Amino acid sequence: PIAGQDAQLRFELELGAIPGKIMGDGRIDFHERKMFTSVRKGELIATKVPATDGTAGTNILGLLIPQQAGQDIKVSTADNAIFNTESGEIRASKPGIVSVVDKTIRVCSKLTIPGDINFSTGNIEAKDTVDIGGSILPGFQVSAHGDLRIGGGVRSAAVISQGNLVITEGASGKQTTMRVSGDVDIPFVEQATITAGGTVIIRRQAYY
């Protein structure tokens, strides 16, 4: 018997779950993560390739040996991403930024904050992907519905993301907490706490 192939998502865009390719010996070939991939209204994001049944075998008496069918996967979409169950296509219903966590695909608007999160901005709670040019200063909180990129660091602050998180300068402080549904890419962590549903990449070091 020949087992069936499991269902899978075939992405039509350049998206990555982690910032680099994991080699066979466990090393990671690092490249800059491709963040904030934009899509147009109606653009194809991914296609669900259905599972196959496989082919039955035959024993020496000519009797059939049943095969193992491929396993299905559950695909979910949110916000401005739509899944057509008949065609298996996932398309954007509005222009936006693609965020992928596990098998959930969403398309969100993008909020850009050029500087720090401080008293001039206050706490940020966005139903979008968020691109912060500076740092999150002590005592402040940022919550993003999609992916979150922080161009500076996180210092004794709180970060929540329902997508993936990339921090350029690292995180420090016992009061710093990061709760992320997807992956985290960060250069260093000092006395901070990370809770992630996906892969955590610490590029240099972690203290306490």
C-alpha atoms as a PDB file:
ATOM      1  CA  PRO A   1       0.000   0.000   0.000  1.00  0.00           C
ATOM      2  CA  ILE A   2       0.996   3.607  -0.630  1.00  0.00           C
ATOM      3  CA  ALA A   3      -0.061   6.026   2.102  1.00  0.00           C
ATOM      4  CA  GLY A   4      -1.877   9.198   1.152  1.00  0.00           C
ATOM      5  CA  GLN A   5      -0.293  12.643   1.396  1.00  0.00           C
ATOM      6  CA  ASP A   6      -1.360  14.934   4.230  1.00  0.00           C
ATOM      7  CA  ALA A   7      -3.139  18.175   3.395  1.00  0.00           C
ATOM      8  CA  GLN A   8      -0.942  21.279   3.382  1.00  0.00           C
ATOM      9  CA  LEU A   9      -0.969  25.018   2.834  1.00  0.00           C
ATOM     10  CA  ARG A  10       0.880  26.224  -0.256  1.00  0.00           C
ATOM     11  CA  PHE A  11       1.762  29.879   0.192  1.00  0.00           C
ATOM     12  CA  GLU A  12       1.882  32.118  -2.862  1.00  0.00           C
ATOM     13  CA  LEU A  13       3.808  34.846  -1.000  1.00  0.00           C
ATOM     14  CA  GLU A  14       7.262  34.907   0.569  1.00  0.00           C
ATOM     15  CA  LEU A  15       6.448  34.269   4.217  1.00  0.00           C
ATOM     16  CA  GLY A  16       8.548  32.593   6.880  1.00  0.00           C
ATOM     17  CA  ALA A  17       7.778  31.191  10.299  1.00  0.00           C
ATOM     18  CA  ILE A  18      11.280  31.794  11.654  1.00  0.00           C
ATOM     19  CA  PRO A  19      14.087  34.220  10.718  1.00  0.00           C
ATOM     20  CA  GLY A  20      16.297  31.707   8.952  1.00  0.00           C
ATOM     21  CA  LYS A  21      16.561  28.134   7.786  1.00  0.00           C
ATOM     22  CA  ILE A  22      17.203  25.409  10.368  1.00  0.00           C
ATOM     23  CA  MET A  23      20.038  23.211   9.129  1.00  0.00           C
ATOM     24  CA  GLY A  24      20.272  19.460   9.667  1.00  0.00           C
ATOM     25  CA  ASP A  25      22.762  19.814  12.540  1.00  0.00           C
ATOM     26  CA  GLY A  26      20.551  22.267  14.437  1.00  0.00           C
ATOM     27  CA  ARG A  27      22.365  25.445  13.353  1.00  0.00           C
ATOM     28  CA  ILE A  28      20.329  28.270  11.874  1.00  0.00           C
ATOM     29  CA  ASP A  29      21.294  30.023   8.680  1.00  0.00           C
ATOM     30  CA  PHE A  30      20.188  33.512   9.714  1.00  0.00           C
ATOM     31  CA  HIS A  31      18.646  35.982   7.346  1.00  0.00           C
ATOM     32  CA  GLU A  32      16.631  39.066   8.080  1.00  0.00           C
ATOM     33  CA  ARG A  33      13.028  38.108   8.634  1.00  0.00           C
ATOM     34  CA  LYS A  34      10.619  39.263   5.942  1.00  0.00           C
ATOM     35  CA  MET A  35       8.081  41.302   7.880  1.00  0.00           C
ATOM     36  CA  PHE A  36       4.979  43.161   6.760  1.00  0.00           C
ATOM     37  CA  THR A  37       4.215  41.461   3.465  1.00  0.00           C
ATOM     38  CA  SER A  38       1.474  43.525   1.844  1.00  0.00           C
ATOM     39  CA  VAL A  39      -1.367  42.213  -0.316  1.00  0.00           C
ATOM     40  CA  ARG A  40      -3.916  43.820  -2.616  1.00  0.00           C
ATOM     41  CA  LYS A  41      -7.646  43.266  -2.452  1.00  0.00           C
ATOM     42  CA  GLY A  42      -8.435  39.884  -3.979  1.00  0.00           C
ATOM     43  CA  GLU A  43      -4.787  38.762  -4.048  1.00  0.00           C
ATOM     44  CA  LEU A  44      -4.159  35.049  -3.521  1.00  0.00           C
ATOM     45  CA  ILE A  45      -2.291  34.405  -0.276  1.00  0.00           C
ATOM     46  CA  ALA A  46      -2.291  30.617  -0.040  1.00  0.00           C
ATOM     47  CA  THR A  47      -4.025  27.509  -1.336  1.00  0.00           C
ATOM     48  CA  LYS A  48      -5.022  24.487   0.700  1.00  0.00           C
ATOM     49  CA  VAL A  49      -3.803  21.340  -1.044  1.00  0.00           C
ATOM     50  CA  PRO A  50      -6.214  18.569  -0.015  1.00  0.00           C
ATOM     51  CA  ALA A  51      -5.110  15.260   1.432  1.00  0.00           C
ATOM     52  CA  THR A  52      -4.960  12.247  -0.887  1.00  0.00           C
ATOM     53  CA  ASP A  53      -6.424   8.801  -0.271  1.00  0.00           C
ATOM     54  CA  GLY A  54      -3.351   6.828  -1.284  1.00  0.00           C
ATOM     55  CA  THR A  55      -3.356   3.472  -3.046  1.00  0.00           C
ATOM     56  CA  ALA A  56      -4.294   0.059  -1.637  1.00  0.00           C
ATOM     57  CA  GLY A  57      -1.796  -2.762  -1.888  1.00  0.00           C
ATOM     58  CA  THR A  58      -2.152  -6.490  -2.604  1.00  0.00           C
ATOM     59  CA  ASN A  59      -0.832  -9.455  -0.665  1.00  0.00           C
ATOM     60  CA  ILE A  60       0.468 -12.693  -2.225  1.00  0.00           C
ATOM     61  CA  LEU A  61      -3.063 -14.151  -2.160  1.00  0.00           C
ATOM     62  CA  GLY A  62      -4.394 -11.287  -4.240  1.00  0.00           C
ATOM     63  CA  LEU A  63      -6.288  -9.704  -1.377  1.00  0.00           C
ATOM     64  CA  LEU A  64      -6.284  -5.957  -0.898  1.00  0.00           C
ATOM     65  CA  ILE A  65      -4.182  -4.361   1.829  1.00  0.00           C
ATOM     66  CA  PRO A  66      -5.826  -1.103   2.889  1.00  0.00           C
ATOM     67  CA  GLN A  67      -3.752   2.057   2.769  1.00  0.00           C
ATOM     68  CA  GLN A  68      -3.532   4.897   5.273  1.00  0.00           C
ATOM     69  CA  ALA A  69      -5.247   8.012   3.992  1.00  0.00           C
ATOM     70  CA  GLY A  70      -3.612  11.422   4.377  1.00  0.00           C
ATOM     71  CA  GLN A  71      -4.619  13.630   7.292  1.00  0.00           C
ATOM     72  CA  ASP A  72      -6.634  16.778   6.793  1.00  0.00           C
ATOM     73  CA  ILE A  73      -5.718  20.154   8.320  1.00  0.00           C
ATOM     74  CA  LYS A  74      -7.975  22.849   9.707  1.00  0.00           C
ATOM     75  CA  VAL A  75      -7.458  26.256   8.116  1.00  0.00           C
ATOM     76  CA  SER A  76      -8.783  29.372   9.794  1.00  0.00           C
ATOM     77  CA  THR A  77      -8.784  32.985   8.672  1.00  0.00           C
ATOM     78  CA  ALA A  78      -9.384  36.230  10.501  1.00  0.00           C
ATOM     79  CA  ASP A  79      -9.938  39.907   9.818  1.00  0.00           C
ATOM     80  CA  ASN A  80      -9.622  40.619   6.080  1.00  0.00           C
ATOM     81  CA  ALA A  81      -8.607  37.138   4.917  1.00  0.00           C
ATOM     82  CA  ILE A  82     -11.246  34.840   3.386  1.00  0.00           C
ATOM     83  CA  PHE A  83     -11.032  31.068   2.883  1.00  0.00           C
ATOM     84  CA  ASN A  84     -13.006  29.532   0.006  1.00  0.00           C
ATOM     85  CA  THR A  85     -13.677  25.945   1.067  1.00  0.00           C
ATOM     86  CA  GLU A  86     -14.537  24.838  -2.485  1.00  0.00           C
ATOM     87  CA  SER A  87     -11.421  26.117  -4.244  1.00  0.00           C
ATOM     88  CA  GLY A  88      -9.154  25.946  -1.182  1.00  0.00           C
ATOM     89  CA  GLU A  89      -7.975  29.497  -1.904  1.00  0.00           C
ATOM     90  CA  ILE A  90      -7.262  32.087   0.781  1.00  0.00           C
ATOM     91  CA  ARG A  91      -7.513  35.643  -0.516  1.00  0.00           C
ATOM     92  CA  ALA A  92      -7.448  39.153   0.917  1.00  0.00           C
ATOM     93  CA  SER A  93     -10.854  40.850   1.053  1.00  0.00           C
ATOM     94  CA  LYS A  94      -9.143  44.228   1.584  1.00  0.00           C
ATOM     95  CA  PRO A  95      -5.610  45.568   1.139  1.00  0.00           C
ATOM     96  CA  GLY A  96      -3.385  44.993   4.170  1.00  0.00           C
ATOM     97  CA  ILE A  97      -0.524  43.107   5.789  1.00  0.00           C
ATOM     98  CA  VAL A  98      -0.434  39.304   6.045  1.00  0.00           C
ATOM     99  CA  SER A  99       0.144  37.669   9.434  1.00  0.00           C
ATOM    100  CA  VAL A 100       0.396  33.889   9.825  1.00  0.00           C
ATOM    101  CA  VAL A 101       0.332  32.019  13.131  1.00  0.00           C
ATOM    102  CA  ASP A 102       0.148  28.250  12.887  1.00  0.00           C
ATOM    103  CA  LYS A 103      -2.700  27.587  10.397  1.00  0.00           C
ATOM    104  CA  THR A 104      -4.467  30.907  11.023  1.00  0.00           C
ATOM    105  CA  ILE A 105      -4.050  33.569   8.335  1.00  0.00           C
ATOM    106  CA  ARG A 106      -5.137  37.169   8.842  1.00  0.00           C
ATOM    107  CA  VAL A 107      -4.860  40.379   6.870  1.00  0.00           C
ATOM    108  CA  CYS A 108      -4.617  43.561   8.950  1.00  0.00           C
ATOM    109  CA  SER A 109      -4.001  47.231   8.416  1.00  0.00           C
ATOM    110  CA  LYS A 110      -0.601  48.606   9.445  1.00  0.00           C
ATOM    111  CA  LEU A 111       0.025  51.166  12.171  1.00  0.00           C
ATOM    112  CA  THR A 112       3.411  52.921  12.013  1.00  0.00           C
ATOM    113  CA  ILE A 113       4.812  54.774  15.025  1.00  0.00           C
ATOM    114  CA  PRO A 114       8.136  56.412  14.078  1.00  0.00           C
ATOM    115  CA  GLY A 115       9.519  57.008  17.594  1.00  0.00           C
ATOM    116  CA  ASP A 116       9.367  55.656  21.145  1.00  0.00           C
ATOM    117  CA  ILE A 117       6.320  54.551  23.089  1.00  0.00           C
ATOM    118  CA  ASN A 118       6.298  57.085  25.905  1.00  0.00           C
ATOM    119  CA  PHE A 119       4.077  59.731  27.517  1.00  0.00           C
ATOM    120  CA  SER A 120       3.527  61.432  24.165  1.00  0.00           C
ATOM    121  CA  THR A 121       1.952  58.298  22.646  1.00  0.00           C
ATOM    122  CA  GLY A 122       0.602  56.520  25.723  1.00  0.00           C
ATOM    123  CA  ASN A 123      -0.141  52.795  25.677  1.00  0.00           C
ATOM    124  CA  ILE A 124      -0.892  51.307  22.248  1.00  0.00           C
ATOM    125  CA  GLU A 125      -3.765  48.885  21.648  1.00  0.00           C
ATOM    126  CA  ALA A 126      -4.157  48.271  17.920  1.00  0.00           C
ATOM    127  CA  LYS A 127      -6.320  45.992  15.797  1.00  0.00           C
ATOM    128  CA  ASP A 128      -3.499  46.117  13.244  1.00  0.00           C
ATOM    129  CA  THR A 129       0.057  45.033  12.610  1.00  0.00           C
ATOM    130  CA  VAL A 130       2.316  47.560  14.327  1.00  0.00           C
ATOM    131  CA  ASP A 131       5.727  48.912  13.289  1.00  0.00           C
ATOM    132  CA  ILE A 132       7.456  50.911  16.044  1.00  0.00           C
ATOM    133  CA  GLY A 133      10.581  52.820  15.061  1.00  0.00           C
ATOM    134  CA  GLY A 134      11.874  53.348  18.613  1.00  0.00           C
ATOM    135  CA  SER A 135      11.716  51.625  21.996  1.00  0.00           C
ATOM    136  CA  ILE A 136       8.962  50.867  24.490  1.00  0.00           C
ATOM    137  CA  LEU A 137       9.897  52.787  27.620  1.00  0.00           C
ATOM    138  CA  PRO A 138       9.318  51.636  31.235  1.00  0.00           C
ATOM    139  CA  GLY A 139       5.727  51.289  32.387  1.00  0.00           C
ATOM    140  CA  PHE A 140       4.094  51.293  28.942  1.00  0.00           C
ATOM    141  CA  GLN A 141       2.238  48.549  27.080  1.00  0.00           C
ATOM    142  CA  VAL A 142       1.797  47.714  23.404  1.00  0.00           C
ATOM    143  CA  SER A 143      -0.859  45.274  22.188  1.00  0.00           C
ATOM    144  CA  ALA A 144      -1.050  44.323  18.500  1.00  0.00           C
ATOM    145  CA  HIS A 145      -3.633  42.174  16.753  1.00  0.00           C
ATOM    146  CA  GLY A 146      -1.141  41.177  14.050  1.00  0.00           C
ATOM    147  CA  ASP A 147       2.646  41.085  13.730  1.00  0.00           C
ATOM    148  CA  LEU A 148       4.711  43.532  15.767  1.00  0.00           C
ATOM    149  CA  ARG A 149       8.160  44.936  14.964  1.00  0.00           C
ATOM    150  CA  ILE A 150      10.042  47.084  17.491  1.00  0.00           C
ATOM    151  CA  GLY A 151      12.970  48.992  16.005  1.00  0.00           C
ATOM    152  CA  GLY A 152      14.453  49.725  19.432  1.00  0.00           C
ATOM    153  CA  GLY A 153      14.207  47.741  22.665  1.00  0.00           C
ATOM    154  CA  VAL A 154      11.727  46.900  25.399  1.00  0.00           C
ATOM    155  CA  ARG A 155      12.572  48.195  28.885  1.00  0.00           C
ATOM    156  CA  SER A 156      10.404  47.213  31.859  1.00  0.00           C
ATOM    157  CA  ALA A 157       7.331  47.229  29.639  1.00  0.00           C
ATOM    158  CA  ALA A 158       4.629  44.837  28.442  1.00  0.00           C
ATOM    159  CA  VAL A 159       4.221  43.541  24.890  1.00  0.00           C
ATOM    160  CA  ILE A 160       1.290  41.496  23.553  1.00  0.00           C
ATOM    161  CA  SER A 161       1.022  40.255  19.974  1.00  0.00           C
ATOM    162  CA  GLN A 162      -1.451  37.873  18.374  1.00  0.00           C
ATOM    163  CA  GLY A 163       1.001  37.517  15.496  1.00  0.00           C
ATOM    164  CA  ASN A 164       4.807  37.347  15.458  1.00  0.00           C
ATOM    165  CA  LEU A 165       7.258  39.621  17.282  1.00  0.00           C
ATOM    166  CA  VAL A 166      10.627  40.991  16.113  1.00  0.00           C
ATOM    167  CA  ILE A 167      12.679  43.207  18.451  1.00  0.00           C
ATOM    168  CA  THR A 168      15.822  44.850  17.093  1.00  0.00           C
ATOM    169  CA  GLU A 169      17.651  45.823  20.303  1.00  0.00           C
ATOM    170  CA  GLY A 170      16.484  43.259  22.857  1.00  0.00           C
ATOM    171  CA  ALA A 171      14.497  43.346  26.103  1.00  0.00           C
ATOM    172  CA  SER A 172      15.487  44.006  29.695  1.00  0.00           C
ATOM    173  CA  GLY A 173      13.954  44.478  33.128  1.00  0.00           C
ATOM    174  CA  LYS A 174      12.202  42.194  35.609  1.00  0.00           C
ATOM    175  CA  GLN A 175       8.902  43.887  34.789  1.00  0.00           C
ATOM    176  CA  THR A 176       9.212  43.169  31.068  1.00  0.00           C
ATOM    177  CA  THR A 177       6.716  40.590  29.801  1.00  0.00           C
ATOM    178  CA  MET A 178       6.133  39.458  26.233  1.00  0.00           C
ATOM    179  CA  ARG A 179       3.095  37.327  25.362  1.00  0.00           C
ATOM    180  CA  VAL A 180       3.098  36.282  21.709  1.00  0.00           C
ATOM    181  CA  SER A 181       0.848  33.861  19.809  1.00  0.00           C
ATOM    182  CA  GLY A 182       3.444  33.182  17.110  1.00  0.00           C
ATOM    183  CA  ASP A 183       7.249  33.428  16.905  1.00  0.00           C
ATOM    184  CA  VAL A 184       9.718  35.741  18.656  1.00  0.00           C
ATOM    185  CA  ASP A 185      12.991  36.983  17.152  1.00  0.00           C
ATOM    186  CA  ILE A 186      15.158  38.926  19.629  1.00  0.00           C
ATOM    187  CA  PRO A 187      18.922  39.560  20.028  1.00  0.00           C
ATOM    188  CA  PHE A 188      19.100  39.317  23.836  1.00  0.00           C
ATOM    189  CA  VAL A 189      16.897  38.971  26.907  1.00  0.00           C
ATOM    190  CA  GLU A 190      17.846  40.195  30.377  1.00  0.00           C
ATOM    191  CA  GLN A 191      15.570  39.416  33.337  1.00  0.00           C
ATOM    192  CA  ALA A 192      12.504  39.473  31.079  1.00  0.00           C
ATOM    193  CA  THR A 193       9.796  36.879  30.469  1.00  0.00           C
ATOM    194  CA  ILE A 194       8.755  35.526  27.060  1.00  0.00           C
ATOM    195  CA  THR A 195       5.677  33.368  26.509  1.00  0.00           C
ATOM    196  CA  ALA A 196       5.242  32.289  22.883  1.00  0.00           C
ATOM    197  CA  GLY A 197       3.072  29.870  20.956  1.00  0.00           C
ATOM    198  CA  GLY A 198       5.722  29.388  18.257  1.00  0.00           C
ATOM    199  CA  THR A 199       9.507  29.422  17.992  1.00  0.00           C
ATOM    200  CA  VAL A 200      11.705  31.735  20.083  1.00  0.00           C
ATOM    201  CA  ILE A 201      14.990  32.779  18.469  1.00  0.00           C
ATOM    202  CA  ILE A 202      17.497  34.460  20.825  1.00  0.00           C
ATOM    203  CA  ARG A 203      20.321  35.519  18.543  1.00  0.00           C
ATOM    204  CA  ARG A 204      23.011  36.304  21.134  1.00  0.00           C
ATOM    205  CA  GLN A 205      22.365  35.690  24.830  1.00  0.00           C
ATOM    206  CA  ALA A 206      19.902  35.491  27.708  1.00  0.00           C
ATOM    207  CA  TYR A 207      20.525  36.541  31.311  1.00  0.00           C
ATOM    208  CA  TYR A 208      18.342  35.359  34.195  1.00  0.00           C
END
